[in-house]
Amino acid sequence: MTENEKKLLQAKHRLEEAEMHDRQKERKARTRRLIQEGAILEKALPQTTQMTLKQLEDFLCEVFKPIR
């Protein structure tokens, strides 16, 4: 393997590592946002804490259904 090939391979690996780091950062940010939104929902509508996910979905769809 020539020196240029090694450098190219190293650059490719650095790029892949940077992309992986960015994806991980985005996942963590999304997870944090979802947790915060869930906490706000529970604070605003405490009755939702006793609902199953399906019941919660149905409740929210009913409350926020589009008016036509």
PDB file of N, CA and C in Angstrom:
ATOM      1  N   MET A   1       0.853  -1.172   0.000  1.00  0.00           N
ATOM      2  CA  MET A   1       0.000   0.000   0.000  1.00  0.00           C
ATOM      3  C   MET A   1       0.902   1.239   0.000  1.00  0.00           C
ATOM      4  N   THR A   2       0.645   2.132  -0.918  1.00  0.00           N
ATOM      5  CA  THR A   2       1.476   3.328  -1.034  1.00  0.00           C
ATOM      6  C   THR A   2       1.091   4.333   0.053  1.00  0.00           C
ATOM      7  N   GLU A   3       1.957   5.311   0.211  1.00  0.00           N
ATOM      8  CA  GLU A   3       1.728   6.361   1.220  1.00  0.00           C
ATOM      9  C   GLU A   3       0.441   7.136   0.919  1.00  0.00           C
ATOM     10  N   ASN A   4       0.205   7.418  -0.355  1.00  0.00           N
ATOM     11  CA  ASN A   4      -1.009   8.151  -0.736  1.00  0.00           C
ATOM     12  C   ASN A   4      -2.266   7.333  -0.439  1.00  0.00           C
ATOM     13  N   GLU A   5      -2.209   6.034  -0.681  1.00  0.00           N
ATOM     14  CA  GLU A   5      -3.351   5.170  -0.380  1.00  0.00           C
ATOM     15  C   GLU A   5      -3.639   5.143   1.121  1.00  0.00           C
ATOM     16  N   LYS A   6      -2.564   5.106   1.926  1.00  0.00           N
ATOM     17  CA  LYS A   6      -2.721   5.121   3.386  1.00  0.00           C
ATOM     18  C   LYS A   6      -3.379   6.420   3.838  1.00  0.00           C
ATOM     19  N   LYS A   7      -2.910   7.532   3.285  1.00  0.00           N
ATOM     20  CA  LYS A   7      -3.474   8.835   3.653  1.00  0.00           C
ATOM     21  C   LYS A   7      -4.943   8.929   3.245  1.00  0.00           C
ATOM     22  N   LEU A   8      -5.255   8.408   2.067  1.00  0.00           N
ATOM     23  CA  LEU A   8      -6.635   8.418   1.592  1.00  0.00           C
ATOM     24  C   LEU A   8      -7.524   7.567   2.499  1.00  0.00           C
ATOM     25  N   LEU A   9      -7.028   6.406   2.881  1.00  0.00           N
ATOM     26  CA  LEU A   9      -7.779   5.520   3.766  1.00  0.00           C
ATOM     27  C   LEU A   9      -7.985   6.163   5.141  1.00  0.00           C
ATOM     28  N   GLN A  10      -6.942   6.809   5.656  1.00  0.00           N
ATOM     29  CA  GLN A  10      -7.058   7.493   6.948  1.00  0.00           C
ATOM     30  C   GLN A  10      -8.082   8.624   6.876  1.00  0.00           C
ATOM     31  N   ALA A  11      -8.064   9.379   5.797  1.00  0.00           N
ATOM     32  CA  ALA A  11      -9.021  10.476   5.628  1.00  0.00           C
ATOM     33  C   ALA A  11     -10.445   9.936   5.558  1.00  0.00           C
ATOM     34  N   LYS A  12     -10.601   8.814   4.864  1.00  0.00           N
ATOM     35  CA  LYS A  12     -11.926   8.193   4.761  1.00  0.00           C
ATOM     36  C   LYS A  12     -12.418   7.763   6.144  1.00  0.00           C
ATOM     37  N   HIS A  13     -11.543   7.168   6.926  1.00  0.00           N
ATOM     38  CA  HIS A  13     -11.919   6.724   8.268  1.00  0.00           C
ATOM     39  C   HIS A  13     -12.250   7.908   9.174  1.00  0.00           C
ATOM     40  N   ARG A  14     -11.480   8.980   9.065  1.00  0.00           N
ATOM     41  CA  ARG A  14     -11.773  10.178   9.869  1.00  0.00           C
ATOM     42  C   ARG A  14     -13.145  10.750   9.501  1.00  0.00           C
ATOM     43  N   LEU A  15     -13.458  10.766   8.216  1.00  0.00           N
ATOM     44  CA  LEU A  15     -14.750  11.265   7.760  1.00  0.00           C
ATOM     45  C   LEU A  15     -15.883  10.384   8.296  1.00  0.00           C
ATOM     46  N   GLU A  16     -15.711   9.067   8.201  1.00  0.00           N
ATOM     47  CA  GLU A  16     -16.732   8.144   8.708  1.00  0.00           C
ATOM     48  C   GLU A  16     -16.934   8.322  10.210  1.00  0.00           C
ATOM     49  N   GLU A  17     -15.831   8.503  10.932  1.00  0.00           N
ATOM     50  CA  GLU A  17     -15.920   8.700  12.376  1.00  0.00           C
ATOM     51  C   GLU A  17     -16.644  10.003  12.710  1.00  0.00           C
ATOM     52  N   ALA A  18     -16.355  11.056  11.966  1.00  0.00           N
ATOM     53  CA  ALA A  18     -17.021  12.340  12.181  1.00  0.00           C
ATOM     54  C   ALA A  18     -18.519  12.232  11.886  1.00  0.00           C
ATOM     55  N   GLU A  19     -18.868  11.517  10.809  1.00  0.00           N
ATOM     56  CA  GLU A  19     -20.286  11.333  10.479  1.00  0.00           C
ATOM     57  C   GLU A  19     -20.993  10.523  11.558  1.00  0.00           C
ATOM     58  N   MET A  20     -20.338   9.484  12.062  1.00  0.00           N
ATOM     59  CA  MET A  20     -20.916   8.666  13.117  1.00  0.00           C
ATOM     60  C   MET A  20     -21.123   9.503  14.380  1.00  0.00           C
ATOM     61  N   HIS A  21     -20.169  10.356  14.691  1.00  0.00           N
ATOM     62  CA  HIS A  21     -20.275  11.237  15.854  1.00  0.00           C
ATOM     63  C   HIS A  21     -21.460  12.192  15.693  1.00  0.00           C
ATOM     64  N   ASP A  22     -21.632  12.735  14.498  1.00  0.00           N
ATOM     65  CA  ASP A  22     -22.750  13.644  14.229  1.00  0.00           C
ATOM     66  C   ASP A  22     -24.095  12.925  14.380  1.00  0.00           C
ATOM     67  N   ARG A  23     -24.195  11.692  13.861  1.00  0.00           N
ATOM     68  CA  ARG A  23     -25.439  10.930  13.987  1.00  0.00           C
ATOM     69  C   ARG A  23     -25.751  10.650  15.447  1.00  0.00           C
ATOM     70  N   GLN A  24     -24.721  10.307  16.212  1.00  0.00           N
ATOM     71  CA  GLN A  24     -24.918  10.030  17.631  1.00  0.00           C
ATOM     72  C   GLN A  24     -25.370  11.297  18.358  1.00  0.00           C
ATOM     73  N   LYS A  25     -24.788  12.417  18.016  1.00  0.00           N
ATOM     74  CA  LYS A  25     -25.159  13.697  18.615  1.00  0.00           C
ATOM     75  C   LYS A  25     -26.621  14.030  18.298  1.00  0.00           C
ATOM     76  N   GLU A  26     -27.031  13.807  17.056  1.00  0.00           N
ATOM     77  CA  GLU A  26     -28.413  14.056  16.646  1.00  0.00           C
ATOM     78  C   GLU A  26     -29.384  13.141  17.392  1.00  0.00           C
ATOM     79  N   ARG A  27     -29.027  11.856  17.560  1.00  0.00           N
ATOM     80  CA  ARG A  27     -29.881  10.924  18.291  1.00  0.00           C
ATOM     81  C   ARG A  27     -30.051  11.358  19.742  1.00  0.00           C
ATOM     82  N   LYS A  28     -28.959  11.776  20.367  1.00  0.00           N
ATOM     83  CA  LYS A  28     -29.029  12.220  21.761  1.00  0.00           C
ATOM     84  C   LYS A  28     -29.887  13.470  21.892  1.00  0.00           C
ATOM     85  N   ALA A  29     -29.757  14.393  20.938  1.00  0.00           N
ATOM     86  CA  ALA A  29     -30.561  15.618  20.967  1.00  0.00           C
ATOM     87  C   ALA A  29     -32.038  15.276  20.800  1.00  0.00           C
ATOM     88  N   ARG A  30     -32.357  14.347  19.906  1.00  0.00           N
ATOM     89  CA  ARG A  30     -33.752  13.936  19.688  1.00  0.00           C
ATOM     90  C   ARG A  30     -34.309  13.265  20.938  1.00  0.00           C
ATOM     91  N   THR A  31     -33.527  12.379  21.545  1.00  0.00           N
ATOM     92  CA  THR A  31     -33.964  11.694  22.756  1.00  0.00           C
ATOM     93  C   THR A  31     -34.251  12.711  23.859  1.00  0.00           C
ATOM     94  N   ARG A  32     -33.363  13.670  24.038  1.00  0.00           N
ATOM     95  CA  ARG A  32     -33.559  14.709  25.064  1.00  0.00           C
ATOM     96  C   ARG A  32     -34.833  15.502  24.791  1.00  0.00           C
ATOM     97  N   ARG A  33     -35.033  15.880  23.524  1.00  0.00           N
ATOM     98  CA  ARG A  33     -36.224  16.652  23.157  1.00  0.00           C
ATOM     99  C   ARG A  33     -37.500  15.854  23.446  1.00  0.00           C
ATOM    100  N   LEU A  34     -37.504  14.559  23.090  1.00  0.00           N
ATOM    101  CA  LEU A  34     -38.682  13.729  23.328  1.00  0.00           C
ATOM    102  C   LEU A  34     -38.973  13.586  24.818  1.00  0.00           C
ATOM    103  N   ILE A  35     -37.941  13.444  25.624  1.00  0.00           N
ATOM    104  CA  ILE A  35     -38.127  13.350  27.076  1.00  0.00           C
ATOM    105  C   ILE A  35     -38.703  14.647  27.613  1.00  0.00           C
ATOM    106  N   GLN A  36     -38.176  15.763  27.162  1.00  0.00           N
ATOM    107  CA  GLN A  36     -38.676  17.059  27.624  1.00  0.00           C
ATOM    108  C   GLN A  36     -40.128  17.275  27.194  1.00  0.00           C
ATOM    109  N   GLU A  37     -40.452  16.899  25.961  1.00  0.00           N
ATOM    110  CA  GLU A  37     -41.831  17.059  25.496  1.00  0.00           C
ATOM    111  C   GLU A  37     -42.774  16.171  26.295  1.00  0.00           C
ATOM    112  N   GLY A  38     -42.349  14.966  26.623  1.00  0.00           N
ATOM    113  CA  GLY A  38     -43.158  14.069  27.442  1.00  0.00           C
ATOM    114  C   GLY A  38     -43.391  14.641  28.824  1.00  0.00           C
ATOM    115  N   ALA A  39     -42.372  15.249  29.402  1.00  0.00           N
ATOM    116  CA  ALA A  39     -42.506  15.858  30.722  1.00  0.00           C
ATOM    117  C   ALA A  39     -43.489  17.030  30.682  1.00  0.00           C
ATOM    118  N   ILE A  40     -43.434  17.810  29.636  1.00  0.00           N
ATOM    119  CA  ILE A  40     -44.366  18.931  29.486  1.00  0.00           C
ATOM    120  C   ILE A  40     -45.795  18.405  29.348  1.00  0.00           C
ATOM    121  N   LEU A  41     -45.968  17.354  28.552  1.00  0.00           N
ATOM    122  CA  LEU A  41     -47.290  16.741  28.379  1.00  0.00           C
ATOM    123  C   LEU A  41     -47.838  16.264  29.723  1.00  0.00           C
ATOM    124  N   GLU A  42     -47.014  15.568  30.505  1.00  0.00           N
ATOM    125  CA  GLU A  42     -47.460  15.071  31.805  1.00  0.00           C
ATOM    126  C   GLU A  42     -47.792  16.210  32.756  1.00  0.00           C
ATOM    127  N   LYS A  43     -47.036  17.285  32.676  1.00  0.00           N
ATOM    128  CA  LYS A  43     -47.292  18.431  33.554  1.00  0.00           C
ATOM    129  C   LYS A  43     -48.599  19.127  33.163  1.00  0.00           C
ATOM    130  N   ALA A  44     -48.826  19.289  31.876  1.00  0.00           N
ATOM    131  CA  ALA A  44     -50.015  19.990  31.396  1.00  0.00           C
ATOM    132  C   ALA A  44     -51.269  19.123  31.507  1.00  0.00           C
ATOM    133  N   LEU A  45     -51.130  17.825  31.303  1.00  0.00           N
ATOM    134  CA  LEU A  45     -52.268  16.899  31.324  1.00  0.00           C
ATOM    135  C   LEU A  45     -51.930  15.705  32.229  1.00  0.00           C
ATOM    136  N   PRO A  46     -51.984  15.893  33.545  1.00  0.00           N
ATOM    137  CA  PRO A  46     -51.563  14.825  34.457  1.00  0.00           C
ATOM    138  C   PRO A  46     -52.343  13.518  34.281  1.00  0.00           C
ATOM    139  N   GLN A  47     -53.573  13.598  33.774  1.00  0.00           N
ATOM    140  CA  GLN A  47     -54.367  12.381  33.587  1.00  0.00           C
ATOM    141  C   GLN A  47     -53.746  11.449  32.548  1.00  0.00           C
ATOM    142  N   THR A  48     -52.891  11.969  31.700  1.00  0.00           N
ATOM    143  CA  THR A  48     -52.290  11.138  30.661  1.00  0.00           C
ATOM    144  C   THR A  48     -51.274  10.142  31.224  1.00  0.00           C
ATOM    145  N   THR A  49     -50.798  10.361  32.433  1.00  0.00           N
ATOM    146  CA  THR A  49     -49.807   9.438  33.005  1.00  0.00           C
ATOM    147  C   THR A  49     -50.416   8.067  33.286  1.00  0.00           C
ATOM    148  N   GLN A  50     -51.742   7.994  33.413  1.00  0.00           N
ATOM    149  CA  GLN A  50     -52.418   6.730  33.698  1.00  0.00           C
ATOM    150  C   GLN A  50     -52.873   6.012  32.429  1.00  0.00           C
ATOM    151  N   MET A  51     -52.625   6.614  31.263  1.00  0.00           N
ATOM    152  CA  MET A  51     -53.087   6.054  29.998  1.00  0.00           C
ATOM    153  C   MET A  51     -52.035   5.144  29.382  1.00  0.00           C
ATOM    154  N   THR A  52     -52.501   4.165  28.611  1.00  0.00           N
ATOM    155  CA  THR A  52     -51.585   3.381  27.790  1.00  0.00           C
ATOM    156  C   THR A  52     -51.166   4.249  26.613  1.00  0.00           C
ATOM    157  N   LEU A  53     -50.180   3.816  25.883  1.00  0.00           N
ATOM    158  CA  LEU A  53     -49.747   4.590  24.714  1.00  0.00           C
ATOM    159  C   LEU A  53     -50.864   4.715  23.690  1.00  0.00           C
ATOM    160  N   LYS A  54     -51.625   3.650  23.493  1.00  0.00           N
ATOM    161  CA  LYS A  54     -52.736   3.685  22.538  1.00  0.00           C
ATOM    162  C   LYS A  54     -53.807   4.670  23.003  1.00  0.00           C
ATOM    163  N   GLN A  55     -54.140   4.634  24.301  1.00  0.00           N
ATOM    164  CA  GLN A  55     -55.128   5.564  24.834  1.00  0.00           C
ATOM    165  C   GLN A  55     -54.650   7.006  24.686  1.00  0.00           C
ATOM    166  N   LEU A  56     -53.377   7.231  24.957  1.00  0.00           N
ATOM    167  CA  LEU A  56     -52.808   8.570  24.816  1.00  0.00           C
ATOM    168  C   LEU A  56     -52.886   9.038  23.368  1.00  0.00           C
ATOM    169  N   GLU A  57     -52.532   8.158  22.453  1.00  0.00           N
ATOM    170  CA  GLU A  57     -52.591   8.508  21.036  1.00  0.00           C
ATOM    171  C   GLU A  57     -54.023   8.853  20.626  1.00  0.00           C
ATOM    172  N   ASP A  58     -54.977   8.018  21.019  1.00  0.00           N
ATOM    173  CA  ASP A  58     -56.381   8.270  20.679  1.00  0.00           C
ATOM    174  C   ASP A  58     -56.865   9.588  21.278  1.00  0.00           C
ATOM    175  N   PHE A  59     -56.498   9.832  22.532  1.00  0.00           N
ATOM    176  CA  PHE A  59     -56.890  11.065  23.215  1.00  0.00           C
ATOM    177  C   PHE A  59     -56.347  12.284  22.481  1.00  0.00           C
ATOM    178  N   LEU A  60     -55.063  12.260  22.152  1.00  0.00           N
ATOM    179  CA  LEU A  60     -54.456  13.406  21.481  1.00  0.00           C
ATOM    180  C   LEU A  60     -55.016  13.609  20.074  1.00  0.00           C
ATOM    181  N   CYS A  61     -55.264  12.504  19.377  1.00  0.00           N
ATOM    182  CA  CYS A  61     -55.849  12.620  18.037  1.00  0.00           C
ATOM    183  C   CYS A  61     -57.258  13.207  18.104  1.00  0.00           C
ATOM    184  N   GLU A  62     -58.010  12.841  19.125  1.00  0.00           N
ATOM    185  CA  GLU A  62     -59.368  13.370  19.285  1.00  0.00           C
ATOM    186  C   GLU A  62     -59.330  14.865  19.640  1.00  0.00           C
ATOM    187  N   VAL A  63     -58.462  15.221  20.555  1.00  0.00           N
ATOM    188  CA  VAL A  63     -58.375  16.622  20.996  1.00  0.00           C
ATOM    189  C   VAL A  63     -57.861  17.527  19.883  1.00  0.00           C
ATOM    190  N   PHE A  64     -56.897  17.039  19.132  1.00  0.00           N
ATOM    191  CA  PHE A  64     -56.265  17.876  18.114  1.00  0.00           C
ATOM    192  C   PHE A  64     -56.641  17.506  16.688  1.00  0.00           C
ATOM    193  N   LYS A  65     -57.779  16.853  16.520  1.00  0.00           N
ATOM    194  CA  LYS A  65     -58.177  16.493  15.157  1.00  0.00           C
ATOM    195  C   LYS A  65     -58.454  17.763  14.350  1.00  0.00           C
ATOM    196  N   PRO A  66     -58.127  17.734  13.077  1.00  0.00           N
ATOM    197  CA  PRO A  66     -58.328  18.938  12.248  1.00  0.00           C
ATOM    198  C   PRO A  66     -59.805  19.271  12.088  1.00  0.00           C
ATOM    199  N   ILE A  67     -60.097  20.533  12.132  1.00  0.00           N
ATOM    200  CA  ILE A  67     -61.469  21.002  11.920  1.00  0.00           C
ATOM    201  C   ILE A  67     -61.649  21.248  10.436  1.00  0.00           C
ATOM    202  N   ARG A  68     -62.724  20.675   9.867  1.00  0.00           N
ATOM    203  CA  ARG A  68     -62.962  20.837   8.425  1.00  0.00           C
ATOM    204  C   ARG A  68     -64.264  21.513   8.186  1.00  0.00           C
TER     205      ARG A  68
END
